[in-house]
Structure formats: structure tokens, C-alpha cells
């Protein structure tokens, strides 16, 4: 079975290919099927955005399509940046700086946050879909912690107390074992194995 990964990000496509490599499923990119159109995200929730992308590209290609949307939900900011995490500023660096500035006067023990991800698999022939959510609790660090150039997005400032590390300080498999993405992907994998 072929599944289209509904994203223009080659890194994300590779993540799907590697994570599900043991399954008899071929994950293909928009590039592989010649799609250049872009889907605008207008949903108010991660689930709405992931379904929107999966539907848009699934209907265009005629292939089952999978898409995900993730966000960082900070308690003291009433859930911001949330659904707008990737649009919070222009670059990863600027997004982190903006968030750290907003939390500047907030004590460490009040910087709780959830990293959440919803992945949706959509079937264009039946118009049916299934969605899976992953969530991990952490704290927004007071400064960036990063080893070399590992981690992306908010990884250098998302600290997991149980691991005593930020996401950016974790090795790939270590992060996948506990991350919001890893949790959602394992649920999707269980579904695909059926």
C-alpha cells in the first residue's frame, strides 16, 4: 500500500519512512507524485489542520494521505502559541526568543507546557479518516540547551524533568520513545498493523 505524506518538508517524509519501515507500506512524498500545490492551514485545532492537509493532498492524488500538526501549549500563556506554534515568528530562532521573552518574569515552576501532535490518515475513496494524538508534559527552560545542531523548532527550550534534558539534548531513539510524535506514531502504527 502507498501512503502520501502530506507535507512539503522532506525531513518529515523521512521520519515517516524510517518509523514505519517494518510495515509493508510505502510512504511517498508530494514530490514523488508531482504535486506542487500548497494547502493553507485554517483550522482552530491541531486535528482540524492535520485533517485539512490529509484531505487536500489525498483528494488531489487519489492516494491515502497522512498529515500531522503539532503545537506547544504553554499553561501560563493560556495555551499559546498552540496551533500557531510554527507561525509564531519567522524562524525557529525567533520563535524561541519570542517565547523566552514572554516568559522572562515567570518563575521556573510556573512554566509548564504540553507538546502535542495529531496525525491523521485520510482515505480519498471513502472520505473516511482516523486521527491519533500524542502529548508530553514538560517545562519551558529559561535558556536554550542544545548539543551541536540537534533538535528543531522549540526542542532546545522544551525540558522534560523526568529525563533531566531538553528535547534537543536527546538522541533520536531516546526522544522518539517519549515524544508527542513518537506516541502518536505508535498509535498509527498499531492501526496500520491491523
N, C-alpha and C. Protein backbone atom coordinates (compact mmCIF):
# COMPACT_ATOMS: atom_id res chain seq x y z
N UNK A 1 0.84 -1.19 0.00
CA UNK A 1 0.00 0.00 0.00
C UNK A 1 0.88 1.25 0.00
N UNK A 2 0.46 2.25 -0.80
CA UNK A 2 1.17 3.52 -0.83
C UNK A 2 0.40 4.54 -0.01
N UNK A 3 1.13 5.31 0.80
CA UNK A 3 0.52 6.40 1.56
C UNK A 3 1.31 7.67 1.26
N UNK A 4 0.59 8.72 0.91
CA UNK A 4 1.21 10.01 0.63
C UNK A 4 1.42 10.77 1.93
N UNK A 5 2.64 11.25 2.15
CA UNK A 5 2.92 12.09 3.33
C UNK A 5 2.64 13.54 2.91
N UNK A 6 1.57 14.09 3.47
CA UNK A 6 1.05 15.39 3.03
C UNK A 6 1.83 16.55 3.64
N UNK A 7 3.07 16.71 3.22
CA UNK A 7 3.90 17.81 3.67
C UNK A 7 4.97 18.11 2.63
N UNK A 8 5.39 19.37 2.58
CA UNK A 8 6.48 19.73 1.68
C UNK A 8 7.84 19.60 2.36
N UNK A 9 7.83 19.13 3.61
CA UNK A 9 9.06 19.02 4.40
C UNK A 9 9.68 17.64 4.21
N UNK A 10 10.84 17.55 3.50
CA UNK A 10 11.46 16.25 3.24
C UNK A 10 11.89 15.53 4.52
N UNK A 11 12.22 16.31 5.56
CA UNK A 11 12.60 15.72 6.86
C UNK A 11 11.46 14.93 7.47
N UNK A 12 10.25 15.46 7.35
CA UNK A 12 9.07 14.78 7.89
C UNK A 12 8.78 13.50 7.12
N UNK A 13 8.93 13.58 5.79
CA UNK A 13 8.70 12.39 4.95
C UNK A 13 9.65 11.28 5.39
N UNK A 14 10.91 11.63 5.60
CA UNK A 14 11.93 10.68 6.02
C UNK A 14 11.56 10.06 7.37
N UNK A 15 11.02 10.89 8.29
CA UNK A 15 10.60 10.39 9.61
C UNK A 15 9.56 9.29 9.46
N UNK A 16 8.56 9.53 8.60
CA UNK A 16 7.52 8.52 8.38
C UNK A 16 8.13 7.25 7.78
N UNK A 17 9.00 7.44 6.77
CA UNK A 17 9.61 6.27 6.11
C UNK A 17 10.42 5.43 7.10
N UNK A 18 11.16 6.10 7.97
CA UNK A 18 12.00 5.37 8.93
C UNK A 18 11.17 4.72 10.03
N UNK A 19 10.20 5.47 10.57
CA UNK A 19 9.41 4.97 11.69
C UNK A 19 8.59 3.74 11.30
N UNK A 20 8.06 3.74 10.08
CA UNK A 20 7.17 2.66 9.65
C UNK A 20 7.87 1.67 8.70
N UNK A 21 9.20 1.65 8.74
CA UNK A 21 9.96 0.85 7.77
C UNK A 21 9.67 -0.65 7.84
N UNK A 22 9.22 -1.16 9.00
CA UNK A 22 8.95 -2.60 9.11
C UNK A 22 7.61 -2.99 8.49
N UNK A 23 6.77 -2.02 8.19
CA UNK A 23 5.44 -2.33 7.65
C UNK A 23 5.49 -2.42 6.12
N UNK A 24 4.58 -3.21 5.53
CA UNK A 24 4.54 -3.31 4.06
C UNK A 24 3.82 -2.11 3.45
N UNK A 25 4.27 -0.93 3.81
CA UNK A 25 3.65 0.32 3.36
C UNK A 25 4.76 1.20 2.78
N UNK A 26 4.47 1.81 1.64
CA UNK A 26 5.45 2.73 1.04
C UNK A 26 4.96 4.16 1.24
N UNK A 27 5.72 4.96 2.00
CA UNK A 27 5.37 6.35 2.20
C UNK A 27 6.04 7.18 1.11
N UNK A 28 5.23 7.92 0.35
CA UNK A 28 5.77 8.72 -0.76
C UNK A 28 5.56 10.20 -0.48
N UNK A 29 6.38 11.02 -1.13
CA UNK A 29 6.32 12.47 -0.90
C UNK A 29 5.47 13.15 -1.97
N UNK A 30 5.13 14.40 -1.73
CA UNK A 30 4.39 15.20 -2.73
C UNK A 30 5.21 15.28 -4.02
N UNK A 31 6.52 15.41 -3.85
CA UNK A 31 7.45 15.44 -4.98
C UNK A 31 7.33 14.17 -5.83
N UNK A 32 7.27 13.01 -5.14
CA UNK A 32 7.19 11.72 -5.84
C UNK A 32 5.97 11.63 -6.75
N UNK A 33 4.87 12.29 -6.34
CA UNK A 33 3.64 12.21 -7.15
C UNK A 33 3.38 13.49 -7.95
N UNK A 34 4.37 14.40 -7.95
CA UNK A 34 4.30 15.60 -8.79
C UNK A 34 3.32 16.67 -8.32
N UNK A 35 3.08 16.74 -7.02
CA UNK A 35 2.17 17.77 -6.50
C UNK A 35 2.98 18.97 -6.03
N UNK A 36 2.61 20.16 -6.54
CA UNK A 36 3.32 21.38 -6.13
C UNK A 36 2.39 22.36 -5.41
N UNK A 37 1.08 22.08 -5.41
CA UNK A 37 0.12 22.96 -4.74
C UNK A 37 0.39 23.00 -3.24
N UNK A 38 0.00 24.11 -2.60
CA UNK A 38 0.16 24.22 -1.16
C UNK A 38 -1.20 24.30 -0.49
N UNK A 39 -1.31 23.63 0.63
CA UNK A 39 -2.56 23.65 1.40
C UNK A 39 -2.43 24.69 2.51
N UNK A 40 -3.39 25.59 2.58
CA UNK A 40 -3.38 26.60 3.62
C UNK A 40 -4.03 26.02 4.88
N UNK A 41 -3.36 26.19 6.02
CA UNK A 41 -3.92 25.70 7.28
C UNK A 41 -4.81 26.78 7.89
N UNK A 42 -6.09 26.46 8.04
CA UNK A 42 -7.02 27.46 8.59
C UNK A 42 -7.77 26.93 9.80
N UNK A 43 -7.41 25.73 10.27
CA UNK A 43 -8.11 25.12 11.40
C UNK A 43 -7.82 25.79 12.73
N UNK A 44 -8.73 25.59 13.68
CA UNK A 44 -8.55 26.13 15.03
C UNK A 44 -7.92 25.11 15.97
N UNK A 45 -7.78 23.88 15.49
CA UNK A 45 -7.18 22.83 16.31
C UNK A 45 -6.14 22.07 15.50
N UNK A 46 -5.29 21.33 16.20
CA UNK A 46 -4.28 20.51 15.51
C UNK A 46 -4.98 19.46 14.64
N UNK A 47 -6.07 18.89 15.17
CA UNK A 47 -6.79 17.85 14.42
C UNK A 47 -7.37 18.42 13.13
N UNK A 48 -7.98 19.60 13.21
CA UNK A 48 -8.55 20.22 12.00
C UNK A 48 -7.47 20.46 10.95
N UNK A 49 -6.31 20.97 11.38
CA UNK A 49 -5.23 21.25 10.44
C UNK A 49 -4.68 19.96 9.82
N UNK A 50 -4.50 18.92 10.63
CA UNK A 50 -3.94 17.68 10.08
C UNK A 50 -4.92 17.04 9.11
N UNK A 51 -6.22 17.10 9.43
CA UNK A 51 -7.23 16.55 8.51
C UNK A 51 -7.30 17.37 7.23
N UNK A 52 -7.23 18.69 7.38
CA UNK A 52 -7.29 19.58 6.21
C UNK A 52 -6.19 19.23 5.20
N UNK A 53 -4.96 19.06 5.71
CA UNK A 53 -3.83 18.73 4.83
C UNK A 53 -3.98 17.34 4.22
N UNK A 54 -4.37 16.36 5.05
CA UNK A 54 -4.52 14.99 4.55
C UNK A 54 -5.60 14.93 3.47
N UNK A 55 -6.73 15.61 3.69
CA UNK A 55 -7.82 15.63 2.72
C UNK A 55 -7.41 16.30 1.42
N UNK A 56 -6.80 17.47 1.56
CA UNK A 56 -6.41 18.26 0.40
C UNK A 56 -5.50 17.44 -0.53
N UNK A 57 -4.44 16.87 0.05
CA UNK A 57 -3.47 16.13 -0.78
C UNK A 57 -3.97 14.74 -1.14
N UNK A 58 -4.78 14.13 -0.29
CA UNK A 58 -5.36 12.82 -0.61
C UNK A 58 -6.30 12.93 -1.79
N UNK A 59 -7.18 13.95 -1.78
CA UNK A 59 -8.11 14.15 -2.89
C UNK A 59 -7.38 14.50 -4.18
N UNK A 60 -6.32 15.29 -4.07
CA UNK A 60 -5.53 15.68 -5.26
C UNK A 60 -4.85 14.47 -5.90
N UNK A 61 -4.31 13.58 -5.06
CA UNK A 61 -3.50 12.46 -5.57
C UNK A 61 -4.29 11.18 -5.78
N UNK A 62 -5.42 11.05 -5.07
CA UNK A 62 -6.17 9.79 -5.12
C UNK A 62 -5.58 8.72 -4.22
N UNK A 63 -4.52 9.09 -3.49
CA UNK A 63 -3.86 8.13 -2.58
C UNK A 63 -4.30 8.39 -1.14
N UNK A 64 -4.31 7.33 -0.29
CA UNK A 64 -4.48 7.59 1.14
C UNK A 64 -3.36 8.56 1.55
N UNK A 65 -3.69 9.52 2.39
CA UNK A 65 -2.70 10.54 2.76
C UNK A 65 -2.65 10.69 4.27
N UNK A 66 -1.44 10.94 4.76
CA UNK A 66 -1.26 11.16 6.19
C UNK A 66 -0.62 12.54 6.38
N UNK A 67 -1.12 13.25 7.40
CA UNK A 67 -0.57 14.58 7.70
C UNK A 67 -0.59 14.75 9.20
N UNK A 68 0.31 15.58 9.70
CA UNK A 68 0.26 15.86 11.13
C UNK A 68 0.40 17.36 11.38
N UNK A 69 0.00 17.74 12.58
CA UNK A 69 0.17 19.12 13.02
C UNK A 69 0.54 19.07 14.49
N UNK A 70 1.50 19.89 14.87
CA UNK A 70 1.99 19.88 16.24
C UNK A 70 1.98 21.28 16.81
N UNK A 71 1.95 21.37 18.12
CA UNK A 71 1.98 22.68 18.76
C UNK A 71 2.48 22.59 20.18
N UNK A 72 2.98 23.71 20.65
CA UNK A 72 3.46 23.84 22.02
C UNK A 72 2.44 24.69 22.78
N UNK A 73 1.86 24.13 23.83
CA UNK A 73 0.79 24.78 24.58
C UNK A 73 1.31 25.14 25.98
N UNK A 74 1.54 26.44 26.21
CA UNK A 74 2.13 26.89 27.47
C UNK A 74 1.01 27.34 28.42
N UNK A 75 0.98 26.71 29.61
CA UNK A 75 -0.12 26.95 30.57
C UNK A 75 -0.34 28.43 30.87
N UNK A 76 0.75 29.11 31.28
CA UNK A 76 0.64 30.48 31.76
C UNK A 76 0.28 31.46 30.63
N UNK A 77 0.45 31.04 29.38
CA UNK A 77 0.08 31.87 28.23
C UNK A 77 -1.28 31.44 27.67
N UNK A 78 -2.05 30.74 28.51
CA UNK A 78 -3.39 30.26 28.13
C UNK A 78 -3.34 29.42 26.86
N UNK A 79 -2.30 28.59 26.76
CA UNK A 79 -2.20 27.66 25.63
C UNK A 79 -1.45 28.18 24.42
N UNK A 80 -1.02 29.45 24.45
CA UNK A 80 -0.22 29.94 23.32
C UNK A 80 1.18 29.34 23.37
N UNK A 81 1.89 29.25 22.26
CA UNK A 81 1.49 29.56 20.88
C UNK A 81 0.52 28.53 20.27
N UNK A 82 0.42 27.33 20.85
CA UNK A 82 -0.58 26.36 20.43
C UNK A 82 -0.59 26.04 18.95
N UNK A 83 -1.79 26.15 18.35
CA UNK A 83 -1.97 25.83 16.93
C UNK A 83 -1.10 26.72 16.05
N UNK A 84 -0.72 27.89 16.56
CA UNK A 84 0.07 28.83 15.76
C UNK A 84 1.57 28.72 16.04
N UNK A 85 2.00 27.62 16.65
CA UNK A 85 3.41 27.45 17.03
C UNK A 85 4.38 27.69 15.89
N UNK A 86 4.08 27.15 14.70
CA UNK A 86 5.03 27.31 13.59
C UNK A 86 4.91 28.69 12.93
N UNK A 87 3.86 29.43 13.28
CA UNK A 87 3.65 30.76 12.68
C UNK A 87 3.83 31.88 13.72
N UNK A 88 4.41 31.53 14.85
CA UNK A 88 4.56 32.44 15.98
C UNK A 88 5.55 33.56 15.68
N UNK A 89 6.52 33.26 14.84
CA UNK A 89 7.51 34.23 14.36
C UNK A 89 8.10 33.61 13.09
N UNK A 90 9.09 34.27 12.49
CA UNK A 90 9.56 33.85 11.16
C UNK A 90 10.51 32.66 11.11
N UNK A 91 11.23 32.39 12.20
CA UNK A 91 12.20 31.28 12.19
C UNK A 91 12.19 30.59 13.54
N UNK A 92 12.78 29.39 13.60
CA UNK A 92 12.87 28.67 14.88
C UNK A 92 13.50 29.55 15.95
N UNK A 93 14.59 30.21 15.56
CA UNK A 93 15.34 31.06 16.49
C UNK A 93 14.45 32.19 17.03
N UNK A 94 13.74 32.85 16.13
CA UNK A 94 12.88 33.97 16.53
C UNK A 94 11.70 33.50 17.37
N UNK A 95 11.16 32.33 17.05
CA UNK A 95 10.04 31.78 17.82
C UNK A 95 10.47 31.51 19.26
N UNK A 96 11.66 30.89 19.42
CA UNK A 96 12.16 30.61 20.77
C UNK A 96 12.41 31.90 21.54
N UNK A 97 13.06 32.86 20.88
CA UNK A 97 13.36 34.14 21.53
C UNK A 97 12.08 34.83 22.00
N UNK A 98 11.07 34.83 21.15
CA UNK A 98 9.80 35.48 21.47
C UNK A 98 9.17 34.81 22.70
N UNK A 99 9.18 33.48 22.70
CA UNK A 99 8.58 32.74 23.82
C UNK A 99 9.36 32.98 25.12
N UNK A 100 10.69 32.93 25.04
CA UNK A 100 11.51 33.16 26.23
C UNK A 100 11.29 34.58 26.78
N UNK A 101 11.13 35.56 25.88
CA UNK A 101 10.87 36.94 26.31
C UNK A 101 9.52 37.04 27.03
N UNK A 102 8.51 36.34 26.45
CA UNK A 102 7.17 36.38 27.07
C UNK A 102 7.17 35.76 28.47
N UNK A 103 8.07 34.79 28.68
CA UNK A 103 8.11 34.08 29.97
C UNK A 103 9.20 34.60 30.91
N UNK A 104 9.84 35.70 30.51
CA UNK A 104 11.00 36.24 31.24
C UNK A 104 10.77 36.38 32.75
N UNK A 105 9.62 36.88 33.14
CA UNK A 105 9.36 37.15 34.56
C UNK A 105 8.59 36.01 35.24
N UNK A 106 8.37 34.93 34.50
CA UNK A 106 7.61 33.80 35.05
C UNK A 106 8.58 32.82 35.74
N UNK A 107 8.32 32.50 37.04
CA UNK A 107 9.21 31.57 37.74
C UNK A 107 9.23 30.19 37.07
N UNK A 108 10.36 29.53 37.22
CA UNK A 108 10.60 28.23 36.58
C UNK A 108 9.46 27.23 36.84
N UNK A 109 8.98 27.16 38.08
CA UNK A 109 7.96 26.16 38.43
C UNK A 109 6.58 26.50 37.86
N UNK A 110 6.45 27.65 37.19
CA UNK A 110 5.16 28.01 36.57
C UNK A 110 5.25 28.01 35.05
N UNK A 111 6.27 27.33 34.51
CA UNK A 111 6.48 27.34 33.06
C UNK A 111 6.04 26.03 32.40
N UNK A 112 5.05 25.37 33.00
CA UNK A 112 4.57 24.09 32.46
C UNK A 112 3.99 24.22 31.06
N UNK A 113 4.19 23.18 30.25
CA UNK A 113 3.70 23.20 28.87
C UNK A 113 3.48 21.77 28.37
N UNK A 114 2.61 21.65 27.39
CA UNK A 114 2.41 20.38 26.69
C UNK A 114 2.89 20.55 25.26
N UNK A 115 3.57 19.53 24.75
CA UNK A 115 3.85 19.44 23.33
C UNK A 115 2.84 18.42 22.82
N UNK A 116 2.05 18.79 21.83
CA UNK A 116 1.03 17.89 21.30
C UNK A 116 1.17 17.74 19.80
N UNK A 117 0.80 16.55 19.31
CA UNK A 117 0.80 16.30 17.87
C UNK A 117 -0.42 15.44 17.53
N UNK A 118 -1.08 15.79 16.44
CA UNK A 118 -2.16 14.96 15.92
C UNK A 118 -1.77 14.54 14.51
N UNK A 119 -1.82 13.23 14.25
CA UNK A 119 -1.58 12.71 12.90
C UNK A 119 -2.88 12.11 12.39
N UNK A 120 -3.21 12.42 11.14
CA UNK A 120 -4.48 11.96 10.55
C UNK A 120 -4.20 11.22 9.25
N UNK A 121 -4.84 10.06 9.12
CA UNK A 121 -4.77 9.26 7.90
C UNK A 121 -6.13 9.34 7.22
N UNK A 122 -6.13 9.76 5.96
CA UNK A 122 -7.36 10.01 5.21
C UNK A 122 -7.41 9.14 3.96
N UNK A 123 -8.59 8.56 3.72
CA UNK A 123 -8.80 7.70 2.54
C UNK A 123 -9.70 8.44 1.55
N UNK A 124 -9.14 8.88 0.39
CA UNK A 124 -9.94 9.67 -0.54
C UNK A 124 -11.11 8.90 -1.17
N UNK A 125 -10.97 7.57 -1.31
CA UNK A 125 -12.05 6.80 -1.96
C UNK A 125 -13.31 6.73 -1.09
N UNK A 126 -13.13 6.64 0.24
CA UNK A 126 -14.30 6.53 1.13
C UNK A 126 -14.56 7.83 1.91
N UNK A 127 -13.63 8.77 1.84
CA UNK A 127 -13.69 10.05 2.59
C UNK A 127 -13.62 9.83 4.11
N UNK A 128 -13.18 8.64 4.51
CA UNK A 128 -13.05 8.36 5.95
C UNK A 128 -11.65 8.74 6.43
N UNK A 129 -11.53 8.97 7.73
CA UNK A 129 -10.22 9.30 8.31
C UNK A 129 -10.14 8.80 9.74
N UNK A 130 -8.90 8.63 10.19
CA UNK A 130 -8.63 8.32 11.60
C UNK A 130 -7.53 9.27 12.07
N UNK A 131 -7.65 9.70 13.33
CA UNK A 131 -6.65 10.62 13.89
C UNK A 131 -6.12 10.05 15.20
N UNK A 132 -4.84 10.33 15.46
CA UNK A 132 -4.19 9.86 16.69
C UNK A 132 -3.41 11.01 17.29
N UNK A 133 -3.52 11.15 18.63
CA UNK A 133 -2.84 12.25 19.31
C UNK A 133 -1.73 11.74 20.21
N UNK A 134 -0.66 12.49 20.27
CA UNK A 134 0.42 12.24 21.21
C UNK A 134 0.64 13.50 22.02
N UNK A 135 0.95 13.34 23.31
CA UNK A 135 1.15 14.51 24.17
C UNK A 135 2.23 14.20 25.19
N UNK A 136 3.09 15.18 25.46
CA UNK A 136 4.10 15.04 26.51
C UNK A 136 4.14 16.34 27.32
N UNK A 137 4.32 16.17 28.61
CA UNK A 137 4.37 17.31 29.54
C UNK A 137 5.83 17.71 29.77
N UNK A 138 6.06 19.00 29.85
CA UNK A 138 7.41 19.48 30.13
C UNK A 138 7.38 20.88 30.71
N UNK A 139 8.55 21.50 30.70
CA UNK A 139 8.71 22.85 31.24
C UNK A 139 9.51 23.66 30.21
N UNK A 140 9.16 24.92 30.06
CA UNK A 140 9.94 25.78 29.16
C UNK A 140 11.19 26.23 29.92
N UNK A 141 12.34 25.83 29.42
CA UNK A 141 13.62 26.16 30.07
C UNK A 141 13.83 27.68 30.05
N UNK A 142 14.72 28.14 30.93
CA UNK A 142 14.97 29.58 30.98
C UNK A 142 15.97 30.03 29.92
N UNK A 143 16.68 29.07 29.36
CA UNK A 143 17.60 29.38 28.25
C UNK A 143 17.70 28.16 27.35
N UNK A 144 18.23 28.38 26.15
CA UNK A 144 18.33 27.28 25.19
C UNK A 144 19.43 26.32 25.61
N UNK A 145 19.14 25.02 25.45
CA UNK A 145 20.14 23.99 25.70
C UNK A 145 20.19 23.11 24.46
N UNK A 146 21.34 23.06 23.85
CA UNK A 146 21.42 22.33 22.59
C UNK A 146 22.81 21.72 22.43
N UNK A 147 22.83 20.53 21.90
CA UNK A 147 24.10 19.89 21.58
C UNK A 147 24.29 19.97 20.07
N UNK A 148 25.35 20.54 19.65
CA UNK A 148 25.64 20.74 18.21
C UNK A 148 24.40 21.34 17.55
N UNK A 149 23.89 20.71 16.49
CA UNK A 149 22.72 21.26 15.79
C UNK A 149 21.54 20.30 15.87
N UNK A 150 21.40 19.62 17.01
CA UNK A 150 20.30 18.68 17.13
C UNK A 150 19.01 19.37 17.53
N UNK A 151 17.92 18.77 17.13
CA UNK A 151 16.63 19.32 17.51
C UNK A 151 16.23 20.46 16.59
N UNK A 152 14.94 20.69 16.50
CA UNK A 152 14.44 21.78 15.67
C UNK A 152 13.23 22.36 16.38
N UNK A 153 12.68 23.42 15.81
CA UNK A 153 11.51 24.03 16.45
C UNK A 153 11.85 24.51 17.86
N UNK A 154 11.02 24.08 18.80
CA UNK A 154 11.17 24.52 20.19
C UNK A 154 11.99 23.52 21.02
N UNK A 155 12.59 22.52 20.38
CA UNK A 155 13.32 21.46 21.10
C UNK A 155 14.35 21.97 22.11
N UNK A 156 15.15 23.00 21.78
CA UNK A 156 16.17 23.45 22.72
C UNK A 156 15.64 24.08 24.01
N UNK A 157 14.33 24.45 24.04
CA UNK A 157 13.80 25.05 25.27
C UNK A 157 12.71 24.20 25.92
N UNK A 158 12.42 23.02 25.34
CA UNK A 158 11.40 22.14 25.95
C UNK A 158 12.11 21.11 26.82
N UNK A 159 11.99 21.30 28.14
CA UNK A 159 12.73 20.48 29.11
C UNK A 159 11.79 19.43 29.70
N UNK A 160 12.27 18.17 29.72
CA UNK A 160 11.48 17.06 30.27
C UNK A 160 12.11 16.68 31.62
N UNK A 161 11.48 17.06 32.75
CA UNK A 161 12.07 16.85 34.07
C UNK A 161 12.48 15.40 34.35
N UNK A 162 11.63 14.44 33.93
CA UNK A 162 11.95 13.02 34.20
C UNK A 162 13.25 12.58 33.53
N UNK A 163 13.55 13.19 32.39
CA UNK A 163 14.76 12.83 31.64
C UNK A 163 15.94 13.75 31.99
N UNK A 164 15.63 14.87 32.67
CA UNK A 164 16.63 15.89 33.01
C UNK A 164 17.36 16.42 31.76
N UNK A 165 16.60 16.56 30.68
CA UNK A 165 17.16 17.04 29.41
C UNK A 165 16.09 17.78 28.62
N UNK A 166 16.54 18.65 27.70
CA UNK A 166 15.62 19.21 26.71
C UNK A 166 15.53 18.21 25.56
N UNK A 167 14.51 18.37 24.73
CA UNK A 167 14.38 17.52 23.53
C UNK A 167 15.65 17.59 22.68
N UNK A 168 16.27 18.78 22.58
CA UNK A 168 17.45 18.94 21.73
C UNK A 168 18.66 18.19 22.26
N UNK A 169 18.65 17.85 23.56
CA UNK A 169 19.78 17.13 24.15
C UNK A 169 19.63 15.61 24.06
N UNK A 170 18.48 15.16 23.56
CA UNK A 170 18.22 13.72 23.48
C UNK A 170 18.64 13.14 22.14
N UNK A 171 19.04 11.87 22.16
CA UNK A 171 19.34 11.14 20.94
C UNK A 171 18.01 10.82 20.28
N UNK A 172 18.02 10.56 18.97
CA UNK A 172 16.80 10.29 18.22
C UNK A 172 15.87 9.25 18.84
N UNK A 173 16.41 8.07 19.14
CA UNK A 173 15.57 6.99 19.68
C UNK A 173 15.06 7.32 21.07
N UNK A 174 15.89 7.98 21.84
CA UNK A 174 15.53 8.38 23.21
C UNK A 174 14.34 9.35 23.16
N UNK A 175 14.40 10.30 22.23
CA UNK A 175 13.33 11.28 22.08
C UNK A 175 12.06 10.60 21.55
N UNK A 176 12.21 9.73 20.53
CA UNK A 176 11.05 9.03 19.95
C UNK A 176 10.30 8.19 20.97
N UNK A 177 11.02 7.68 21.96
CA UNK A 177 10.40 6.81 22.97
C UNK A 177 9.39 7.57 23.82
N UNK A 178 9.57 8.88 23.99
CA UNK A 178 8.69 9.63 24.90
C UNK A 178 7.96 10.80 24.24
N UNK A 179 8.39 11.20 23.04
CA UNK A 179 7.85 12.44 22.44
C UNK A 179 6.40 12.31 21.99
N UNK A 180 5.77 13.46 21.85
CA UNK A 180 4.40 13.55 21.33
C UNK A 180 4.31 12.89 19.96
N UNK A 181 5.34 13.08 19.13
CA UNK A 181 5.37 12.48 17.78
C UNK A 181 5.46 10.95 17.90
N UNK A 182 6.38 10.49 18.75
CA UNK A 182 6.56 9.04 18.93
C UNK A 182 5.28 8.37 19.42
N UNK A 183 4.59 9.02 20.36
CA UNK A 183 3.34 8.45 20.92
C UNK A 183 2.27 8.35 19.83
N UNK A 184 2.07 9.43 19.07
CA UNK A 184 1.06 9.43 18.01
C UNK A 184 1.42 8.42 16.92
N UNK A 185 2.70 8.37 16.55
CA UNK A 185 3.15 7.44 15.50
C UNK A 185 2.94 5.99 15.92
N UNK A 186 3.19 5.68 17.19
CA UNK A 186 2.99 4.29 17.65
C UNK A 186 1.51 3.90 17.57
N UNK A 187 0.62 4.85 17.85
CA UNK A 187 -0.82 4.58 17.73
C UNK A 187 -1.19 4.33 16.27
N UNK A 188 -0.64 5.14 15.36
CA UNK A 188 -0.90 4.97 13.93
C UNK A 188 -0.33 3.63 13.45
N UNK A 189 0.85 3.28 13.95
CA UNK A 189 1.49 2.02 13.56
C UNK A 189 0.62 0.83 13.95
N UNK A 190 0.10 0.86 15.17
CA UNK A 190 -0.79 -0.21 15.66
C UNK A 190 -2.00 -0.33 14.75
N UNK A 191 -2.54 0.79 14.34
CA UNK A 191 -3.71 0.82 13.45
C UNK A 191 -3.34 0.21 12.08
N UNK A 192 -2.19 0.61 11.53
CA UNK A 192 -1.77 0.11 10.20
C UNK A 192 -1.44 -1.38 10.25
N UNK A 193 -0.97 -1.87 11.38
CA UNK A 193 -0.64 -3.29 11.51
C UNK A 193 -1.89 -4.17 11.41
N UNK A 194 -3.03 -3.61 11.78
CA UNK A 194 -4.29 -4.34 11.67
C UNK A 194 -4.71 -4.49 10.21
